[in-house]
Protein backbone atom coordinates (compact mmCIF):
# COMPACT_ATOMS: atom_id res chain seq x y z
CA MET A 1 -8.90 -28.30 -34.46
CA PRO A 2 -7.30 -31.52 -33.23
CA GLN A 3 -8.56 -33.21 -30.08
CA THR A 4 -5.38 -32.39 -28.13
CA ARG A 5 -5.85 -28.64 -28.65
CA ILE A 6 -9.44 -28.82 -27.45
CA HIS A 7 -8.29 -30.72 -24.37
CA LEU A 8 -5.53 -28.17 -23.73
CA ALA A 9 -7.92 -25.23 -24.11
CA ARG A 10 -10.39 -26.87 -21.70
CA HIS A 11 -7.63 -27.56 -19.20
CA ILE A 12 -6.30 -23.98 -19.32
CA THR A 13 -9.83 -22.61 -18.93
CA MET A 14 -10.47 -24.78 -15.88
CA VAL A 15 -7.16 -23.75 -14.28
CA LEU A 16 -7.98 -20.07 -14.81
CA ILE A 17 -11.44 -20.52 -13.29
CA VAL A 18 -10.01 -22.30 -10.24
CA LYS A 19 -7.36 -19.58 -9.79
CA THR A 20 -9.99 -16.84 -10.04
CA VAL A 21 -12.18 -18.53 -7.42
CA ALA A 22 -9.15 -19.01 -5.13
CA LEU A 23 -8.12 -15.35 -5.45
CA TYR A 24 -11.66 -14.22 -4.71
CA GLY A 25 -11.74 -16.47 -1.64
CA LEU A 26 -8.48 -14.99 -0.35
CA TRP A 27 -9.75 -11.46 -0.94
CA ALA A 28 -13.04 -12.20 0.82
CA ALA A 29 -11.26 -13.81 3.77
CA PHE A 30 -8.55 -11.23 4.37
CA PHE A 31 -9.16 -7.96 2.52
CA SER A 32 -12.90 -7.34 2.18
CA ASN A 33 -13.28 -5.62 5.60
CA PRO A 34 -10.11 -3.68 6.42
CA VAL A 35 -9.48 -2.93 10.08
CA PRO A 36 -8.43 0.60 11.06
CA VAL A 37 -4.95 0.69 12.63
CA ASP A 38 -2.85 3.31 14.36
CA ALA A 39 0.15 4.22 12.18
CA GLY A 40 2.34 4.94 15.21
CA ALA A 41 1.66 1.54 16.73
CA VAL A 42 2.44 -0.20 13.44
CA SER A 43 5.73 1.68 13.05
CA ASN A 44 6.74 0.74 16.62
CA VAL A 45 6.07 -2.93 15.90
CA VAL A 46 7.90 -2.90 12.56
CA ALA A 47 10.88 -0.65 13.33
CA GLY A 48 10.94 -0.62 17.13
CA PRO A 49 10.58 2.40 19.37
CA GLY A 50 12.38 5.52 18.19
CA GLN A 51 15.55 6.94 19.69
CA PRO A 52 15.22 10.11 21.82
CA ASP A 53 16.45 13.35 20.25
CA ARG A 54 20.02 14.33 21.10
CA LYS A 55 19.63 18.04 20.34
CA GLY A 56 20.50 19.09 23.90
CA GLN A 57 23.93 17.41 23.89
């Protein structure tokens, strides 16, 4: 195997290791301990408060 292929394989391996460590760090920082949320409160923030029913009109 020529020297350039060995260098390329080493470089790709190092990039994959760095990416894996970065993804684990993001997961540990933001997703490892999920916080319970109220679905109604989230929907009000995302879509705004709902319109009142117009069944009586």
